[in-house]
Amino acid sequence: MSDGVSGDPGSEIASRCAVERILHRAKCTGRTLAQTLLECIEEAHAAILAMQQRGRMSATVVALFIDPRHDVAQWAHPGDSRLYRFARGTLIEQTRDHSVRQQLLDAGLPGDGVNPAWLHMAPGMRGQIAPAISPPRVLENGDVFLLCTDGLWQSVAEDALEDRLRVVHTVDDWAVLIEHEAMRRSGNTPHADNYSALAVWAGSPQNVTLARVRARQAR
């Protein structure tokens, strides 16, 4: 998933280019998941830089690769598009934004008033790119992944994502509820950011996530 960095005139071109190059590289490599993720993002970065004569452009990326043969998942991202991982209906992991605000918070400094959209790394930005790559994670029955751009995570709180996950039977239903929540919270806000989101649910959630919810309700 890719999202053009706002303010860059070629942001839409950059995001489309990133997705195309990542999909192309993913089909051509026979390396490990981590090496594949790195190569995909480096190729997207190089391709966007090569188009800079059309104007300044950059894009965030978050990529999830799943190896169904070994039940392993791994992900990578540069920028502030996020990945959330849920297990048994509870958020257990999420990516950390490559933003100036997050850098301040990591250093123990206040980030209030700092625009969360100010990024220090994204494909297409000048300089080296060092995407964050997760360790391999063993997939468990009922694991859920949500990939989304900043237009979504800035408008929908994490507890709302959890609450709605615990009452659905499919990721499509979950996506609809998340969209309704995003629209409710943004309301008629002028110039509200658009967003993209993709959800993946591993295994049989009815036997894991929903079973846990029913057990709670029975107490």
C-alpha atoms as a PDB file:
ATOM      1  CA  MET A   1       0.000   0.000   0.000  1.00  0.00           C
ATOM      2  CA  SER A   2       1.257   3.471  -0.835  1.00  0.00           C
ATOM      3  CA  ASP A   3       0.117   7.033  -0.154  1.00  0.00           C
ATOM      4  CA  GLY A   4       1.413  10.118  -1.910  1.00  0.00           C
ATOM      5  CA  VAL A   5       2.990  12.657   0.438  1.00  0.00           C
ATOM      6  CA  SER A   6       0.721  15.691   0.620  1.00  0.00           C
ATOM      7  CA  GLY A   7       2.180  18.885  -0.760  1.00  0.00           C
ATOM      8  CA  ASP A   8       4.177  17.127  -3.446  1.00  0.00           C
ATOM      9  CA  PRO A   9       2.741  17.897  -6.894  1.00  0.00           C
ATOM     10  CA  GLY A  10       3.494  14.392  -8.192  1.00  0.00           C
ATOM     11  CA  SER A  11       2.291  12.484  -5.122  1.00  0.00           C
ATOM     12  CA  GLU A  12      -0.340  10.460  -6.989  1.00  0.00           C
ATOM     13  CA  ILE A  13       2.215   9.426  -9.616  1.00  0.00           C
ATOM     14  CA  ALA A  14       4.707   8.503  -6.893  1.00  0.00           C
ATOM     15  CA  SER A  15       2.270   6.267  -5.002  1.00  0.00           C
ATOM     16  CA  ARG A  16       1.169   4.478  -8.170  1.00  0.00           C
ATOM     17  CA  CYS A  17       4.794   3.988  -9.186  1.00  0.00           C
ATOM     18  CA  ALA A  18       5.675   2.572  -5.757  1.00  0.00           C
ATOM     19  CA  VAL A  19       2.929  -0.048  -5.888  1.00  0.00           C
ATOM     20  CA  GLU A  20       3.810  -1.078  -9.450  1.00  0.00           C
ATOM     21  CA  ARG A  21       7.526  -1.446  -8.714  1.00  0.00           C
ATOM     22  CA  ILE A  22       6.942  -3.382  -5.481  1.00  0.00           C
ATOM     23  CA  LEU A  23       4.580  -5.834  -7.172  1.00  0.00           C
ATOM     24  CA  HIS A  24       7.024  -6.288 -10.038  1.00  0.00           C
ATOM     25  CA  ARG A  25      10.019  -6.887  -7.771  1.00  0.00           C
ATOM     26  CA  ALA A  26       8.078  -9.256  -5.491  1.00  0.00           C
ATOM     27  CA  LYS A  27       7.363 -11.547  -8.448  1.00  0.00           C
ATOM     28  CA  CYS A  28      10.979 -11.599  -9.622  1.00  0.00           C
ATOM     29  CA  THR A  29      12.903 -12.343  -6.458  1.00  0.00           C
ATOM     30  CA  GLY A  30      13.691 -15.673  -4.877  1.00  0.00           C
ATOM     31  CA  ARG A  31      15.236 -14.298  -1.706  1.00  0.00           C
ATOM     32  CA  THR A  32      14.084 -14.357   1.903  1.00  0.00           C
ATOM     33  CA  LEU A  33      11.077 -12.298   2.953  1.00  0.00           C
ATOM     34  CA  ALA A  34      13.276  -9.642   4.591  1.00  0.00           C
ATOM     35  CA  GLN A  35      15.520  -9.319   1.528  1.00  0.00           C
ATOM     36  CA  THR A  36      12.491  -9.206  -0.747  1.00  0.00           C
ATOM     37  CA  LEU A  37      10.869  -6.456   1.305  1.00  0.00           C
ATOM     38  CA  LEU A  38      14.053  -4.380   1.257  1.00  0.00           C
ATOM     39  CA  GLU A  39      14.580  -4.841  -2.484  1.00  0.00           C
ATOM     40  CA  CYS A  40      10.962  -3.952  -3.232  1.00  0.00           C
ATOM     41  CA  ILE A  41      11.124  -0.663  -1.336  1.00  0.00           C
ATOM     42  CA  GLU A  42      14.586   0.247  -2.643  1.00  0.00           C
ATOM     43  CA  GLU A  43      13.385  -0.306  -6.210  1.00  0.00           C
ATOM     44  CA  ALA A  44      10.299   1.834  -5.594  1.00  0.00           C
ATOM     45  CA  HIS A  45      12.526   4.561  -4.124  1.00  0.00           C
ATOM     46  CA  ALA A  46      14.865   4.479  -7.144  1.00  0.00           C
ATOM     47  CA  ALA A  47      11.967   4.541  -9.602  1.00  0.00           C
ATOM     48  CA  ILE A  48      10.370   7.589  -7.966  1.00  0.00           C
ATOM     49  CA  LEU A  49      13.709   9.426  -7.861  1.00  0.00           C
ATOM     50  CA  ALA A  50      14.150   8.697 -11.573  1.00  0.00           C
ATOM     51  CA  MET A  51      10.885  10.523 -12.293  1.00  0.00           C
ATOM     52  CA  GLN A  52      11.777  13.659 -10.325  1.00  0.00           C
ATOM     53  CA  GLN A  53      12.222  15.643 -13.526  1.00  0.00           C
ATOM     54  CA  ARG A  54       8.415  15.723 -13.677  1.00  0.00           C
ATOM     55  CA  GLY A  55       8.356  17.530 -10.353  1.00  0.00           C
ATOM     56  CA  ARG A  56       8.929  16.835  -6.692  1.00  0.00           C
ATOM     57  CA  MET A  57       7.198  13.639  -5.588  1.00  0.00           C
ATOM     58  CA  SER A  58       7.353  11.100  -2.782  1.00  0.00           C
ATOM     59  CA  ALA A  59       5.135   8.472  -1.226  1.00  0.00           C
ATOM     60  CA  THR A  60       4.815   6.405   1.916  1.00  0.00           C
ATOM     61  CA  VAL A  61       4.743   2.611   1.709  1.00  0.00           C
ATOM     62  CA  VAL A  62       3.637  -0.233   3.954  1.00  0.00           C
ATOM     63  CA  ALA A  63       4.044  -3.774   2.635  1.00  0.00           C
ATOM     64  CA  LEU A  64       2.971  -7.098   4.136  1.00  0.00           C
ATOM     65  CA  PHE A  65       4.326 -10.388   2.818  1.00  0.00           C
ATOM     66  CA  ILE A  66       2.834 -13.709   3.944  1.00  0.00           C
ATOM     67  CA  ASP A  67       4.476 -17.081   3.339  1.00  0.00           C
ATOM     68  CA  PRO A  68       1.551 -19.563   3.522  1.00  0.00           C
ATOM     69  CA  ARG A  69       3.871 -22.569   3.208  1.00  0.00           C
ATOM     70  CA  HIS A  70       5.541 -21.792   6.518  1.00  0.00           C
ATOM     71  CA  ASP A  71       2.772 -19.711   8.153  1.00  0.00           C
ATOM     72  CA  VAL A  72       5.059 -16.696   8.500  1.00  0.00           C
ATOM     73  CA  ALA A  73       4.327 -12.993   8.006  1.00  0.00           C
ATOM     74  CA  GLN A  74       6.744 -10.074   7.721  1.00  0.00           C
ATOM     75  CA  TRP A  75       6.264  -6.413   6.887  1.00  0.00           C
ATOM     76  CA  ALA A  76       8.165  -3.226   6.129  1.00  0.00           C
ATOM     77  CA  HIS A  77       7.450   0.476   5.855  1.00  0.00           C
ATOM     78  CA  PRO A  78       9.044   3.844   5.222  1.00  0.00           C
ATOM     79  CA  GLY A  79       6.873   6.848   6.062  1.00  0.00           C
ATOM     80  CA  ASP A  80       3.661   7.032   8.068  1.00  0.00           C
ATOM     81  CA  SER A  81       1.389   4.497   6.438  1.00  0.00           C
ATOM     82  CA  ARG A  82       0.829   1.937   9.171  1.00  0.00           C
ATOM     83  CA  LEU A  83       0.381  -1.757   9.801  1.00  0.00           C
ATOM     84  CA  TYR A  84      -1.556  -2.985  12.837  1.00  0.00           C
ATOM     85  CA  ARG A  85      -1.479  -6.608  13.942  1.00  0.00           C
ATOM     86  CA  PHE A  86      -4.262  -7.993  16.110  1.00  0.00           C
ATOM     87  CA  ALA A  87      -4.395 -11.363  17.858  1.00  0.00           C
ATOM     88  CA  ARG A  88      -7.585 -12.658  19.466  1.00  0.00           C
ATOM     89  CA  GLY A  89      -9.184  -9.276  18.925  1.00  0.00           C
ATOM     90  CA  THR A  90      -6.437  -7.318  20.697  1.00  0.00           C
ATOM     91  CA  LEU A  91      -3.850  -4.992  19.142  1.00  0.00           C
ATOM     92  CA  ILE A  92      -0.390  -6.443  19.775  1.00  0.00           C
ATOM     93  CA  GLU A  93       1.886  -4.668  17.275  1.00  0.00           C
ATOM     94  CA  GLN A  94       2.012  -1.629  15.063  1.00  0.00           C
ATOM     95  CA  THR A  95       4.589   0.163  12.964  1.00  0.00           C
ATOM     96  CA  ARG A  96       6.255   3.377  14.146  1.00  0.00           C
ATOM     97  CA  ASP A  97       5.955   6.410  11.888  1.00  0.00           C
ATOM     98  CA  HIS A  98       9.007   7.903  10.231  1.00  0.00           C
ATOM     99  CA  SER A  99       7.883  11.380  11.252  1.00  0.00           C
ATOM    100  CA  VAL A 100       9.517  14.290  13.038  1.00  0.00           C
ATOM    101  CA  ARG A 101       6.872  14.053  15.750  1.00  0.00           C
ATOM    102  CA  GLN A 102       7.662  10.390  16.415  1.00  0.00           C
ATOM    103  CA  GLN A 103      11.383  11.189  16.577  1.00  0.00           C
ATOM    104  CA  LEU A 104      10.694  13.769  19.281  1.00  0.00           C
ATOM    105  CA  LEU A 105       8.528  11.356  21.255  1.00  0.00           C
ATOM    106  CA  ASP A 106      11.169   8.614  20.989  1.00  0.00           C
ATOM    107  CA  ALA A 107      13.733  11.065  22.370  1.00  0.00           C
ATOM    108  CA  GLY A 108      11.483  11.861  25.338  1.00  0.00           C
ATOM    109  CA  LEU A 109      10.637  15.327  24.025  1.00  0.00           C
ATOM    110  CA  PRO A 110       7.138  16.804  23.686  1.00  0.00           C
ATOM    111  CA  GLY A 111       5.541  16.398  20.288  1.00  0.00           C
ATOM    112  CA  ASP A 112       2.495  18.574  20.909  1.00  0.00           C
ATOM    113  CA  GLY A 113       1.850  21.008  18.111  1.00  0.00           C
ATOM    114  CA  VAL A 114       4.152  19.201  15.681  1.00  0.00           C
ATOM    115  CA  ASN A 115       2.444  18.264  12.434  1.00  0.00           C
ATOM    116  CA  PRO A 116       2.341  14.424  12.354  1.00  0.00           C
ATOM    117  CA  ALA A 117       2.576  14.582   8.563  1.00  0.00           C
ATOM    118  CA  TRP A 118       6.135  15.972   8.615  1.00  0.00           C
ATOM    119  CA  LEU A 119       8.189  12.995   7.500  1.00  0.00           C
ATOM    120  CA  HIS A 120      11.920  12.463   7.595  1.00  0.00           C
ATOM    121  CA  MET A 121      11.885   9.394   5.336  1.00  0.00           C
ATOM    122  CA  ALA A 122       9.759   8.189   2.425  1.00  0.00           C
ATOM    123  CA  PRO A 123      10.466   6.790  -1.052  1.00  0.00           C
ATOM    124  CA  GLY A 124      11.274   9.702  -3.345  1.00  0.00           C
ATOM    125  CA  MET A 125      12.833  11.880  -0.653  1.00  0.00           C
ATOM    126  CA  ARG A 126      16.491  12.694  -1.187  1.00  0.00           C
ATOM    127  CA  GLY A 127      19.087  10.653   0.643  1.00  0.00           C
ATOM    128  CA  GLN A 128      19.348   7.070   1.780  1.00  0.00           C
ATOM    129  CA  ILE A 129      16.249   5.102   2.618  1.00  0.00           C
ATOM    130  CA  ALA A 130      16.248   2.607   5.482  1.00  0.00           C
ATOM    131  CA  PRO A 131      12.787   1.046   5.794  1.00  0.00           C
ATOM    132  CA  ALA A 132      11.812  -0.542   9.089  1.00  0.00           C
ATOM    133  CA  ILE A 133      11.499  -4.311   8.595  1.00  0.00           C
ATOM    134  CA  SER A 134       9.794  -6.449  11.209  1.00  0.00           C
ATOM    135  CA  PRO A 135      11.158  -9.781  12.420  1.00  0.00           C
ATOM    136  CA  PRO A 136       9.362 -12.804  10.938  1.00  0.00           C
ATOM    137  CA  ARG A 137       6.143 -13.479  12.834  1.00  0.00           C
ATOM    138  CA  VAL A 138       4.542 -16.907  13.048  1.00  0.00           C
ATOM    139  CA  LEU A 139       0.938 -16.703  11.906  1.00  0.00           C
ATOM    140  CA  GLU A 140      -1.646 -17.874  14.389  1.00  0.00           C
ATOM    141  CA  ASN A 141      -5.244 -18.743  13.714  1.00  0.00           C
ATOM    142  CA  GLY A 142      -7.306 -15.544  13.884  1.00  0.00           C
ATOM    143  CA  ASP A 143      -4.429 -13.092  13.362  1.00  0.00           C
ATOM    144  CA  VAL A 144      -5.615  -9.903  11.692  1.00  0.00           C
ATOM    145  CA  PHE A 145      -3.548  -7.301   9.848  1.00  0.00           C
ATOM    146  CA  LEU A 146      -4.724  -3.804   8.972  1.00  0.00           C
ATOM    147  CA  LEU A 147      -2.677  -1.717   6.543  1.00  0.00           C
ATOM    148  CA  CYS A 148      -3.792   1.891   6.259  1.00  0.00           C
ATOM    149  CA  THR A 149      -2.725   5.392   5.307  1.00  0.00           C
ATOM    150  CA  ASP A 150      -2.606   8.350   7.680  1.00  0.00           C
ATOM    151  CA  GLY A 151      -6.019   9.577   6.623  1.00  0.00           C
ATOM    152  CA  LEU A 152      -7.497   6.592   8.463  1.00  0.00           C
ATOM    153  CA  TRP A 153      -5.356   6.244  11.585  1.00  0.00           C
ATOM    154  CA  GLN A 154      -5.605   9.951  12.325  1.00  0.00           C
ATOM    155  CA  SER A 155      -9.400   9.716  12.421  1.00  0.00           C
ATOM    156  CA  VAL A 156     -10.036   6.302  14.007  1.00  0.00           C
ATOM    157  CA  ALA A 157      -8.650   5.479  17.466  1.00  0.00           C
ATOM    158  CA  GLU A 158      -7.011   2.136  18.204  1.00  0.00           C
ATOM    159  CA  ASP A 159      -9.653   1.167  20.775  1.00  0.00           C
ATOM    160  CA  ALA A 160     -12.330   1.726  18.125  1.00  0.00           C
ATOM    161  CA  LEU A 161     -10.495  -0.633  15.771  1.00  0.00           C
ATOM    162  CA  GLU A 162     -10.450  -3.304  18.484  1.00  0.00           C
ATOM    163  CA  ASP A 163     -14.084  -2.815  19.476  1.00  0.00           C
ATOM    164  CA  ARG A 164     -15.347  -3.244  15.939  1.00  0.00           C
ATOM    165  CA  LEU A 165     -13.095  -6.208  15.210  1.00  0.00           C
ATOM    166  CA  ARG A 166     -14.658  -8.128  18.091  1.00  0.00           C
ATOM    167  CA  VAL A 167     -18.184  -8.003  16.696  1.00  0.00           C
ATOM    168  CA  VAL A 168     -17.693  -8.972  13.030  1.00  0.00           C
ATOM    169  CA  HIS A 169     -17.462 -12.241  11.139  1.00  0.00           C
ATOM    170  CA  THR A 170     -15.401 -11.101   8.130  1.00  0.00           C
ATOM    171  CA  VAL A 171     -12.784  -8.484   7.333  1.00  0.00           C
ATOM    172  CA  ASP A 172     -15.202  -6.958   4.840  1.00  0.00           C
ATOM    173  CA  ASP A 173     -17.660  -6.275   7.658  1.00  0.00           C
ATOM    174  CA  TRP A 174     -14.828  -4.852   9.759  1.00  0.00           C
ATOM    175  CA  ALA A 175     -13.753  -2.551   6.921  1.00  0.00           C
ATOM    176  CA  VAL A 176     -17.312  -1.223   6.591  1.00  0.00           C
ATOM    177  CA  LEU A 177     -17.515  -0.453  10.312  1.00  0.00           C
ATOM    178  CA  ILE A 178     -14.107   1.242  10.247  1.00  0.00           C
ATOM    179  CA  GLU A 179     -15.194   3.364   7.295  1.00  0.00           C
ATOM    180  CA  HIS A 180     -18.357   4.409   9.105  1.00  0.00           C
ATOM    181  CA  GLU A 181     -16.297   5.348  12.165  1.00  0.00           C
ATOM    182  CA  ALA A 182     -13.859   7.383  10.047  1.00  0.00           C
ATOM    183  CA  MET A 183     -16.721   9.257   8.412  1.00  0.00           C
ATOM    184  CA  ARG A 184     -18.397   9.883  11.765  1.00  0.00           C
ATOM    185  CA  ARG A 185     -15.247  11.283  13.353  1.00  0.00           C
ATOM    186  CA  SER A 186     -14.178  13.415  10.408  1.00  0.00           C
ATOM    187  CA  GLY A 187     -17.732  14.725   9.960  1.00  0.00           C
ATOM    188  CA  ASN A 188     -17.792  17.781   7.765  1.00  0.00           C
ATOM    189  CA  THR A 189     -14.160  18.662   8.390  1.00  0.00           C
ATOM    190  CA  PRO A 190     -12.989  20.751   5.436  1.00  0.00           C
ATOM    191  CA  HIS A 191     -10.122  19.306   3.393  1.00  0.00           C
ATOM    192  CA  ALA A 192     -10.308  15.972   5.245  1.00  0.00           C
ATOM    193  CA  ASP A 193      -7.584  13.628   4.058  1.00  0.00           C
ATOM    194  CA  ASN A 194      -8.559  10.667   1.920  1.00  0.00           C
ATOM    195  CA  TYR A 195      -7.388   7.228   2.942  1.00  0.00           C
ATOM    196  CA  SER A 196      -6.846   3.648   1.873  1.00  0.00           C
ATOM    197  CA  ALA A 197      -7.041   0.514   4.004  1.00  0.00           C
ATOM    198  CA  LEU A 198      -6.528  -3.211   3.515  1.00  0.00           C
ATOM    199  CA  ALA A 199      -7.379  -5.940   6.031  1.00  0.00           C
ATOM    200  CA  VAL A 200      -6.155  -9.549   6.094  1.00  0.00           C
ATOM    201  CA  TRP A 201      -7.562 -12.190   8.458  1.00  0.00           C
ATOM    202  CA  ALA A 202      -5.668 -15.469   8.856  1.00  0.00           C
ATOM    203  CA  GLY A 203      -7.370 -18.741   9.636  1.00  0.00           C
ATOM    204  CA  SER A 204     -10.844 -19.079  11.122  1.00  0.00           C
ATOM    205  CA  PRO A 205     -11.697 -16.003  13.199  1.00  0.00           C
ATOM    206  CA  GLN A 206     -15.032 -17.433  14.298  1.00  0.00           C
ATOM    207  CA  ASN A 207     -13.137 -20.081  16.260  1.00  0.00           C
ATOM    208  CA  VAL A 208     -10.723 -17.643  17.890  1.00  0.00           C
ATOM    209  CA  THR A 209     -11.599 -13.950  18.082  1.00  0.00           C
ATOM    210  CA  LEU A 210     -15.355 -14.330  18.362  1.00  0.00           C
ATOM    211  CA  ALA A 211     -15.085 -17.308  20.716  1.00  0.00           C
ATOM    212  CA  ARG A 212     -13.087 -15.159  23.108  1.00  0.00           C
ATOM    213  CA  VAL A 213     -15.713 -12.418  22.962  1.00  0.00           C
ATOM    214  CA  ARG A 214     -18.482 -14.908  23.742  1.00  0.00           C
ATOM    215  CA  ALA A 215     -16.472 -16.208  26.704  1.00  0.00           C
ATOM    216  CA  ARG A 216     -16.164 -12.666  28.084  1.00  0.00           C
ATOM    217  CA  GLN A 217     -19.863 -12.051  27.710  1.00  0.00           C
ATOM    218  CA  ALA A 218     -20.684 -15.272  29.551  1.00  0.00           C
ATOM    219  CA  ARG A 219     -18.775 -14.218  32.683  1.00  0.00           C
END
